PDB file of N, CA and C in Angstrom:
ATOM      1  N   MET A   1      91.685  15.704  75.736  1.00  0.00           N
ATOM      2  CA  MET A   1      91.563  16.659  74.680  1.00  0.00           C
ATOM      3  C   MET A   1      93.057  16.681  73.980  1.00  0.00           C
ATOM      4  N   SER A   2      92.841  16.940  72.911  1.00  0.00           N
ATOM      5  CA  SER A   2      93.727  17.307  71.671  1.00  0.00           C
ATOM      6  C   SER A   2      94.082  18.138  71.589  1.00  0.00           C
ATOM      7  N   GLU A   3      95.936  18.510  71.528  1.00  0.00           N
ATOM      8  CA  GLU A   3      95.881  20.199  71.405  1.00  0.00           C
ATOM      9  C   GLU A   3      96.336  20.419  69.722  1.00  0.00           C
ATOM     10  N   GLU A   4      96.190  19.964  69.245  1.00  0.00           N
ATOM     11  CA  GLU A   4      96.429  19.698  67.384  1.00  0.00           C
ATOM     12  C   GLU A   4      96.282  20.530  67.072  1.00  0.00           C
ATOM     13  N   MET A   5      97.097  21.753  66.150  1.00  0.00           N
ATOM     14  CA  MET A   5      96.627  22.781  65.207  1.00  0.00           C
ATOM     15  C   MET A   5      96.710  22.537  63.888  1.00  0.00           C
ATOM     16  N   LYS A   6      95.526  23.130  63.412  1.00  0.00           N
ATOM     17  CA  LYS A   6      95.693  22.868  61.445  1.00  0.00           C
ATOM     18  C   LYS A   6      95.748  24.504  61.850  1.00  0.00           C
ATOM     19  N   THR A   7      96.998  25.234  60.999  1.00  0.00           N
ATOM     20  CA  THR A   7      97.098  26.258  59.896  1.00  0.00           C
ATOM     21  C   THR A   7      96.730  26.794  58.598  1.00  0.00           C
ATOM     22  N   LEU A   8      96.278  27.442  58.329  1.00  0.00           N
ATOM     23  CA  LEU A   8      95.592  28.252  57.308  1.00  0.00           C
ATOM     24  C   LEU A   8      95.934  29.217  56.821  1.00  0.00           C
ATOM     25  N   ASP A   9      96.478  29.380  55.784  1.00  0.00           N
ATOM     26  CA  ASP A   9      97.458  30.853  54.964  1.00  0.00           C
ATOM     27  C   ASP A   9      95.985  31.350  54.750  1.00  0.00           C
ATOM     28  N   LEU A  10      95.277  32.214  54.804  1.00  0.00           N
ATOM     29  CA  LEU A  10      94.288  33.141  53.672  1.00  0.00           C
ATOM     30  C   LEU A  10      94.642  33.593  52.732  1.00  0.00           C
ATOM     31  N   ARG A  11      95.914  34.195  52.392  1.00  0.00           N
ATOM     32  CA  ARG A  11      96.464  35.555  52.146  1.00  0.00           C
ATOM     33  C   ARG A  11      96.310  34.993  50.678  1.00  0.00           C
ATOM     34  N   PRO A  12      97.067  33.921  50.306  1.00  0.00           N
ATOM     35  CA  PRO A  12      96.884  33.470  48.732  1.00  0.00           C
ATOM     36  C   PRO A  12      95.566  33.371  48.143  1.00  0.00           C
ATOM     37  N   MET A  13      94.856  33.400  48.740  1.00  0.00           N
ATOM     38  CA  MET A  13      93.593  32.881  48.116  1.00  0.00           C
ATOM     39  C   MET A  13      92.386  34.057  48.282  1.00  0.00           C
ATOM     40  N   LEU A  14      91.324  33.854  47.521  1.00  0.00           N
ATOM     41  CA  LEU A  14      90.705  34.918  46.736  1.00  0.00           C
ATOM     42  C   LEU A  14      89.669  34.852  47.744  1.00  0.00           C
ATOM     43  N   PRO A  15      89.582  36.387  48.106  1.00  0.00           N
ATOM     44  CA  PRO A  15      88.343  36.513  49.424  1.00  0.00           C
ATOM     45  C   PRO A  15      87.115  35.959  49.679  1.00  0.00           C
ATOM     46  N   PHE A  16      86.283  35.656  48.510  1.00  0.00           N
ATOM     47  CA  PHE A  16      85.126  34.793  48.859  1.00  0.00           C
ATOM     48  C   PHE A  16      85.409  33.716  48.437  1.00  0.00           C
ATOM     49  N   GLU A  17      86.486  32.751  48.499  1.00  0.00           N
ATOM     50  CA  GLU A  17      86.921  31.150  48.815  1.00  0.00           C
ATOM     51  C   GLU A  17      87.305  31.243  50.613  1.00  0.00           C
ATOM     52  N   ARG A  18      87.165  32.518  51.023  1.00  0.00           N
ATOM     53  CA  ARG A  18      88.568  31.977  52.031  1.00  0.00           C
ATOM     54  C   ARG A  18      87.084  31.496  53.631  1.00  0.00           C
ATOM     55  N   HIS A  19      86.251  31.854  53.411  1.00  0.00           N
ATOM     56  CA  HIS A  19      84.805  31.580  54.944  1.00  0.00           C
ATOM     57  C   HIS A  19      84.479  30.679  54.153  1.00  0.00           C
ATOM     58  N   GLU A  20      84.247  29.784  53.258  1.00  0.00           N
ATOM     59  CA  GLU A  20      84.007  28.714  53.000  1.00  0.00           C
ATOM     60  C   GLU A  20      85.044  27.332  53.207  1.00  0.00           C
ATOM     61  N   LYS A  21      86.574  27.624  52.923  1.00  0.00           N
ATOM     62  CA  LYS A  21      87.437  27.101  53.197  1.00  0.00           C
ATOM     63  C   LYS A  21      87.793  26.939  55.058  1.00  0.00           C
ATOM     64  N   ILE A  22      87.702  28.042  55.707  1.00  0.00           N
ATOM     65  CA  ILE A  22      87.976  27.988  56.962  1.00  0.00           C
ATOM     66  C   ILE A  22      86.455  26.996  57.505  1.00  0.00           C
ATOM     67  N   PHE A  23      85.469  27.221  57.330  1.00  0.00           N
ATOM     68  CA  PHE A  23      84.195  26.295  57.708  1.00  0.00           C
ATOM     69  C   PHE A  23      84.126  24.939  57.438  1.00  0.00           C
ATOM     70  N   GLN A  24      85.402  24.357  56.308  1.00  0.00           N
ATOM     71  CA  GLN A  24      85.101  23.267  55.964  1.00  0.00           C
ATOM     72  C   GLN A  24      86.004  22.700  56.611  1.00  0.00           C
ATOM     73  N   ILE A  25      87.701  23.208  56.977  1.00  0.00           N
ATOM     74  CA  ILE A  25      88.049  22.570  57.973  1.00  0.00           C
ATOM     75  C   ILE A  25      87.819  22.444  59.673  1.00  0.00           C
ATOM     76  N   TRP A  26      86.842  24.132  60.016  1.00  0.00           N
ATOM     77  CA  TRP A  26      86.246  24.228  60.954  1.00  0.00           C
ATOM     78  C   TRP A  26      85.387  22.887  61.007  1.00  0.00           C
ATOM     79  N   GLU A  27      84.871  22.227  60.221  1.00  0.00           N
ATOM     80  CA  GLU A  27      83.699  20.853  60.533  1.00  0.00           C
ATOM     81  C   GLU A  27      84.322  19.552  60.535  1.00  0.00           C
ATOM     82  N   THR A  28      85.731  19.460  60.757  1.00  0.00           N
ATOM     83  CA  THR A  28      86.943  18.232  60.856  1.00  0.00           C
ATOM     84  C   THR A  28      87.508  18.559  62.170  1.00  0.00           C
ATOM     85  N   LEU A  29      87.463  19.836  62.791  1.00  0.00           N
ATOM     86  CA  LEU A  29      88.104  19.241  64.047  1.00  0.00           C
ATOM     87  C   LEU A  29      87.281  18.975  65.208  1.00  0.00           C
ATOM     88  N   ASN A  30      88.158  18.346  66.201  1.00  0.00           N
ATOM     89  CA  ASN A  30      87.066  17.521  67.420  1.00  0.00           C
ATOM     90  C   ASN A  30      87.643  18.841  68.524  1.00  0.00           C
ATOM     91  N   PRO A  31      86.973  18.978  69.303  1.00  0.00           N
ATOM     92  CA  PRO A  31      87.088  19.839  70.433  1.00  0.00           C
ATOM     93  C   PRO A  31      87.926  19.667  70.834  1.00  0.00           C
ATOM     94  N   GLY A  32      88.973  20.886  72.030  1.00  0.00           N
ATOM     95  CA  GLY A  32      90.645  21.060  71.943  1.00  0.00           C
ATOM     96  C   GLY A  32      91.433  21.245  70.873  1.00  0.00           C
ATOM     97  N   GLN A  33      91.030  21.202  69.522  1.00  0.00           N
ATOM     98  CA  GLN A  33      91.884  21.330  68.422  1.00  0.00           C
ATOM     99  C   GLN A  33      91.754  22.927  67.823  1.00  0.00           C
ATOM    100  N   ILE A  34      92.071  23.322  67.298  1.00  0.00           N
ATOM    101  CA  ILE A  34      92.223  24.586  66.660  1.00  0.00           C
ATOM    102  C   ILE A  34      92.918  24.696  65.604  1.00  0.00           C
ATOM    103  N   LEU A  35      92.433  26.200  64.966  1.00  0.00           N
ATOM    104  CA  LEU A  35      92.316  26.210  63.888  1.00  0.00           C
ATOM    105  C   LEU A  35      93.093  27.381  63.749  1.00  0.00           C
ATOM    106  N   ARG A  36      94.822  27.673  63.055  1.00  0.00           N
ATOM    107  CA  ARG A  36      95.029  29.200  63.289  1.00  0.00           C
ATOM    108  C   ARG A  36      94.661  29.614  61.469  1.00  0.00           C
ATOM    109  N   ILE A  37      94.366  30.679  62.030  1.00  0.00           N
ATOM    110  CA  ILE A  37      94.506  31.511  60.248  1.00  0.00           C
ATOM    111  C   ILE A  37      95.480  32.640  60.172  1.00  0.00           C
ATOM    112  N   ILE A  38      95.689  32.908  59.252  1.00  0.00           N
ATOM    113  CA  ILE A  38      97.011  33.792  58.906  1.00  0.00           C
ATOM    114  C   ILE A  38      96.301  34.927  58.074  1.00  0.00           C
ATOM    115  N   ASN A  39      95.831  35.665  57.620  1.00  0.00           N
ATOM    116  CA  ASN A  39      95.617  36.867  57.039  1.00  0.00           C
ATOM    117  C   ASN A  39      96.109  38.252  56.981  1.00  0.00           C
ATOM    118  N   ASP A  40      95.412  38.918  55.439  1.00  0.00           N
ATOM    119  CA  ASP A  40      95.901  40.139  55.588  1.00  0.00           C
ATOM    120  C   ASP A  40      95.674  41.059  55.676  1.00  0.00           C
ATOM    121  N   HIS A  41      94.262  41.026  56.690  1.00  0.00           N
ATOM    122  CA  HIS A  41      93.682  42.033  57.546  1.00  0.00           C
ATOM    123  C   HIS A  41      92.586  41.639  58.436  1.00  0.00           C
ATOM    124  N   ASP A  42      92.291  42.206  59.049  1.00  0.00           N
ATOM    125  CA  ASP A  42      91.446  42.206  60.634  1.00  0.00           C
ATOM    126  C   ASP A  42      90.391  40.853  60.071  1.00  0.00           C
ATOM    127  N   PRO A  43      90.335  39.596  60.671  1.00  0.00           N
ATOM    128  CA  PRO A  43      89.002  38.787  60.379  1.00  0.00           C
ATOM    129  C   PRO A  43      87.685  39.035  61.507  1.00  0.00           C
ATOM    130  N   ARG A  44      87.691  40.404  61.181  1.00  0.00           N
ATOM    131  CA  ARG A  44      86.206  40.715  62.258  1.00  0.00           C
ATOM    132  C   ARG A  44      85.039  40.507  61.703  1.00  0.00           C
ATOM    133  N   PRO A  45      84.445  40.436  60.588  1.00  0.00           N
ATOM    134  CA  PRO A  45      83.569  39.687  59.364  1.00  0.00           C
ATOM    135  C   PRO A  45      83.467  38.452  59.737  1.00  0.00           C
ATOM    136  N   LEU A  46      84.793  37.285  59.910  1.00  0.00           N
ATOM    137  CA  LEU A  46      84.430  36.268  60.458  1.00  0.00           C
ATOM    138  C   LEU A  46      84.335  35.545  61.740  1.00  0.00           C
ATOM    139  N   HIS A  47      84.921  36.648  62.938  1.00  0.00           N
ATOM    140  CA  HIS A  47      84.275  36.391  63.971  1.00  0.00           C
ATOM    141  C   HIS A  47      83.215  36.636  64.223  1.00  0.00           C
ATOM    142  N   TYR A  48      82.604  37.772  63.777  1.00  0.00           N
ATOM    143  CA  TYR A  48      80.737  38.022  63.615  1.00  0.00           C
ATOM    144  C   TYR A  48      80.135  36.912  63.321  1.00  0.00           C
ATOM    145  N   GLN A  49      80.764  36.363  62.046  1.00  0.00           N
ATOM    146  CA  GLN A  49      80.337  34.790  61.777  1.00  0.00           C
ATOM    147  C   GLN A  49      80.204  33.825  62.598  1.00  0.00           C
ATOM    148  N   PHE A  50      81.357  33.688  63.168  1.00  0.00           N
ATOM    149  CA  PHE A  50      81.391  32.366  64.359  1.00  0.00           C
ATOM    150  C   PHE A  50      80.421  32.853  65.335  1.00  0.00           C
ATOM    151  N   GLU A  51      80.391  34.345  66.081  1.00  0.00           N
ATOM    152  CA  GLU A  51      79.626  34.539  67.247  1.00  0.00           C
ATOM    153  C   GLU A  51      78.302  34.134  66.464  1.00  0.00           C
ATOM    154  N   VAL A  52      77.200  34.216  65.402  1.00  0.00           N
ATOM    155  CA  VAL A  52      76.452  34.088  65.408  1.00  0.00           C
ATOM    156  C   VAL A  52      75.979  32.475  65.355  1.00  0.00           C
ATOM    157  N   GLU A  53      77.393  31.842  63.792  1.00  0.00           N
ATOM    158  CA  GLU A  53      76.571  30.239  63.833  1.00  0.00           C
ATOM    159  C   GLU A  53      77.604  29.261  64.640  1.00  0.00           C
ATOM    160  N   GLN A  54      78.359  29.789  65.845  1.00  0.00           N
ATOM    161  CA  GLN A  54      79.051  28.621  66.808  1.00  0.00           C
ATOM    162  C   GLN A  54      79.130  29.229  68.084  1.00  0.00           C
ATOM    163  N   ASN A  55      77.966  29.850  68.324  1.00  0.00           N
ATOM    164  CA  ASN A  55      78.098  30.544  69.619  1.00  0.00           C
ATOM    165  C   ASN A  55      78.399  29.517  70.847  1.00  0.00           C
ATOM    166  N   GLY A  56      79.211  29.476  71.672  1.00  0.00           N
ATOM    167  CA  GLY A  56      79.443  28.891  72.701  1.00  0.00           C
ATOM    168  C   GLY A  56      80.553  27.572  72.133  1.00  0.00           C
ATOM    169  N   LYS A  57      80.667  27.349  70.857  1.00  0.00           N
ATOM    170  CA  LYS A  57      81.174  26.139  70.894  1.00  0.00           C
ATOM    171  C   LYS A  57      83.027  26.743  70.788  1.00  0.00           C
ATOM    172  N   TYR A  58      83.829  27.614  69.839  1.00  0.00           N
ATOM    173  CA  TYR A  58      84.837  27.970  69.857  1.00  0.00           C
ATOM    174  C   TYR A  58      84.957  28.769  71.297  1.00  0.00           C
ATOM    175  N   ALA A  59      86.642  29.164  70.748  1.00  0.00           N
ATOM    176  CA  ALA A  59      87.124  30.272  72.151  1.00  0.00           C
ATOM    177  C   ALA A  59      87.902  31.368  70.514  1.00  0.00           C
ATOM    178  N   TRP A  60      88.167  32.585  70.617  1.00  0.00           N
ATOM    179  CA  TRP A  60      88.943  32.999  69.635  1.00  0.00           C
ATOM    180  C   TRP A  60      90.061  34.021  70.519  1.00  0.00           C
ATOM    181  N   GLU A  61      91.194  33.449  69.653  1.00  0.00           N
ATOM    182  CA  GLU A  61      92.489  34.448  70.362  1.00  0.00           C
ATOM    183  C   GLU A  61      93.679  35.256  69.448  1.00  0.00           C
ATOM    184  N   TYR A  62      93.798  36.506  69.147  1.00  0.00           N
ATOM    185  CA  TYR A  62      94.634  36.770  68.740  1.00  0.00           C
ATOM    186  C   TYR A  62      95.973  36.475  68.950  1.00  0.00           C
ATOM    187  N   GLU A  63      97.052  36.021  68.276  1.00  0.00           N
ATOM    188  CA  GLU A  63      98.305  35.965  68.184  1.00  0.00           C
ATOM    189  C   GLU A  63      98.926  36.486  67.816  1.00  0.00           C
ATOM    190  N   GLN A  64      98.477  37.332  66.515  1.00  0.00           N
ATOM    191  CA  GLN A  64      99.380  38.864  66.120  1.00  0.00           C
ATOM    192  C   GLN A  64      98.030  39.694  65.607  1.00  0.00           C
ATOM    193  N   ASN A  65      98.019  40.658  66.112  1.00  0.00           N
ATOM    194  CA  ASN A  65      97.158  41.714  65.588  1.00  0.00           C
ATOM    195  C   ASN A  65      97.235  42.863  64.483  1.00  0.00           C
ATOM    196  N   GLY A  66      97.929  42.700  63.184  1.00  0.00           N
ATOM    197  CA  GLY A  66      98.513  43.144  62.136  1.00  0.00           C
ATOM    198  C   GLY A  66      99.560  43.847  62.563  1.00  0.00           C
ATOM    199  N   PRO A  67     100.194  44.960  61.954  1.00  0.00           N
ATOM    200  CA  PRO A  67      99.278  45.781  61.011  1.00  0.00           C
ATOM    201  C   PRO A  67      99.795  45.260  59.558  1.00  0.00           C
ATOM    202  N   LYS A  68     100.471  44.259  59.492  1.00  0.00           N
ATOM    203  CA  LYS A  68     100.523  43.895  58.118  1.00  0.00           C
ATOM    204  C   LYS A  68      99.922  42.228  58.059  1.00  0.00           C
ATOM    205  N   ASP A  69      99.834  41.599  58.468  1.00  0.00           N
ATOM    206  CA  ASP A  69      99.130  40.556  59.148  1.00  0.00           C
ATOM    207  C   ASP A  69      98.666  39.845  59.914  1.00  0.00           C
ATOM    208  N   TRP A  70      97.509  39.316  60.156  1.00  0.00           N
ATOM    209  CA  TRP A  70      96.557  38.737  61.329  1.00  0.00           C
ATOM    210  C   TRP A  70      96.787  37.429  61.967  1.00  0.00           C
ATOM    211  N   ILE A  71      97.285  36.880  62.822  1.00  0.00           N
ATOM    212  CA  ILE A  71      97.229  35.234  63.061  1.00  0.00           C
ATOM    213  C   ILE A  71      96.317  35.316  64.079  1.00  0.00           C
ATOM    214  N   VAL A  72      95.122  34.281  64.186  1.00  0.00           N
ATOM    215  CA  VAL A  72      93.984  34.263  65.164  1.00  0.00           C
ATOM    216  C   VAL A  72      93.905  32.498  65.209  1.00  0.00           C
ATOM    217  N   LYS A  73      94.074  32.383  66.606  1.00  0.00           N
ATOM    218  CA  LYS A  73      93.320  30.797  67.098  1.00  0.00           C
ATOM    219  C   LYS A  73      92.517  31.113  67.533  1.00  0.00           C
ATOM    220  N   ILE A  74      91.471  29.732  66.383  1.00  0.00           N
ATOM    221  CA  ILE A  74      90.114  29.321  67.041  1.00  0.00           C
ATOM    222  C   ILE A  74      89.898  27.850  67.704  1.00  0.00           C
ATOM    223  N   ARG A  75      89.614  28.035  68.529  1.00  0.00           N
ATOM    224  CA  ARG A  75      89.916  26.476  69.015  1.00  0.00           C
ATOM    225  C   ARG A  75      88.585  26.375  69.362  1.00  0.00           C
ATOM    226  N   ARG A  76      88.318  25.145  69.309  1.00  0.00           N
ATOM    227  CA  ARG A  76      86.681  24.210  69.249  1.00  0.00           C
ATOM    228  C   ARG A  76      86.818  23.483  70.528  1.00  0.00           C
ATOM    229  N   ILE A  77      85.651  24.191  71.293  1.00  0.00           N
ATOM    230  CA  ILE A  77      85.215  23.801  72.538  1.00  0.00           C
ATOM    231  C   ILE A  77      84.164  22.920  72.914  1.00  0.00           C
TER     232      ILE A  77
END
């Protein structure tokens, strides 16, 4: 399994563009690879979306939990 990590800084992006970009990158990842996102708010809605659409295919880990920025590592299983 590869431990490669791709980082995506969402802060400069328009909110309506974020989830689409995340899932574009997500679809390119192999099992074991990580998508690390940096956001200006808690990405709880994204986590709910992963739970519905990718249940059992990911692991979610907060690297930083605010108060200014949130950083989450999402590993493809």
